[in-house]
Each structure stands twice: as structure tokens, then as C-alpha cells.
């Protein structure tokens, strides 16, 4: 489980609340607050 503000590495992350997919292109990118439901927890795909 990952949360907004973390830098978990590049890849795709799915919001654990609504299923929205967020793609991080760089290892230095941080996970945002979910753009769809405004929640903060993700699972790596």
C-alpha cells in the first residue's frame, strides 16, 4: 500500500478506493492525491 506524497518508483498505481490509475514516469515522481476521488492510498499494478 502506498500513499500520496511517497516516491514509490515509476509504474502504474491504482487508487484503492475508486480504481483510478495513476502513471508515474520517473522514480523521482510523487504519488498525487487521486484526481478522481481525492483519496490518498494506492496499490502498485
Protein backbone atom coordinates (compact mmCIF):
# COMPACT_ATOMS: atom_id res chain seq x y z
CA UNK A 1 0.00 0.00 0.00
CA UNK A 2 1.33 3.42 -0.99
CA UNK A 3 0.10 6.87 -0.04
CA UNK A 4 0.11 10.28 -1.69
CA UNK A 5 3.40 12.10 -1.28
CA UNK A 6 5.52 8.94 -1.46
CA UNK A 7 8.04 8.28 -4.25
CA UNK A 8 7.45 4.57 -4.86
CA UNK A 9 9.13 4.43 -8.28
CA UNK A 10 7.94 4.53 -11.85
CA UNK A 11 4.95 2.46 -12.88
CA UNK A 12 1.18 2.32 -12.63
CA UNK A 13 -0.69 2.72 -9.36
CA UNK A 14 -4.39 2.08 -8.76
CA UNK A 15 -6.40 4.08 -6.25
CA UNK A 16 -7.59 1.63 -3.62
CA UNK A 17 -10.90 3.49 -3.29
CA UNK A 18 -12.13 4.19 -6.84
CA UNK A 19 -9.71 2.26 -9.08
CA UNK A 20 -8.36 5.31 -10.93
CA UNK A 21 -4.95 4.57 -12.49
CA UNK A 22 -2.07 7.00 -11.99
CA UNK A 23 1.11 6.55 -14.05
CA UNK A 24 4.47 7.71 -12.69
CA UNK A 25 7.10 8.12 -15.41
CA UNK A 26 10.14 8.76 -13.20
CA UNK A 27 11.45 7.26 -9.97
CA UNK A 28 11.51 10.81 -8.59
CA UNK A 29 7.76 11.42 -9.18
CA UNK A 30 5.50 11.54 -6.14
CA UNK A 31 2.05 9.99 -5.93
CA UNK A 32 -0.64 12.66 -6.10
CA UNK A 33 -3.97 12.79 -4.31
CA UNK A 34 -6.32 10.76 -6.51
CA UNK A 35 -7.58 13.07 -9.28
CA UNK A 36 -10.97 11.32 -9.32
CA UNK A 37 -11.99 10.75 -5.68
CA UNK A 38 -9.38 12.78 -3.73
CA UNK A 39 -8.29 9.78 -1.61
CA UNK A 40 -4.66 9.04 -0.85
CA UNK A 41 -3.98 5.27 -0.93
CA UNK A 42 -2.76 3.23 -3.89
CA UNK A 43 -1.76 -0.30 -4.89
CA UNK A 44 1.01 -0.93 -7.42
CA UNK A 45 -0.11 -2.70 -10.60
